[in-house]
Amino acid sequence: MTDDDIDRLVSKLDLEQKARLVTGASVWRTDAEPDIGLRAMAFSDGPAGVRGEGWDERDTSLTLPCPTALAATWDEHLVGLLGGLLAGRHFECPPWRALSLPSAIKRT
């Protein structure tokens, strides 16, 4: 899909529909916009793990040390292994789930 295709689809939405795209349906899920063929998506937080949408302590998640701590080890091999582990856990999730990027900037 090209930028022009995306622009064409977005131009079909009114202001309320556009606002729904950036506000979300819930804490972890976006609204669908069937008029342009957009399904709802679920996001999972992490830079340190993939939890999913639930809050049930019986359904555990992968939890890794924070990226700043991993970077401080200077161990590229370890970071690569843990990145692969995190990616593997993500791909066990349904295909409509996206991994959210960290929104906070690490500060010293």
Foldseek 3Di string as FASTA:
>chain_A
DDPVLVVVLVVVDDPVVVVQQPPAPDPFKGPADVVSPGHIAGEAEDPFWGAGDDDDPVRDIHGHPHPVVVVVVVDPVVVVVVVVVRVVRVVVDDPRYYYDDDPDDDDD
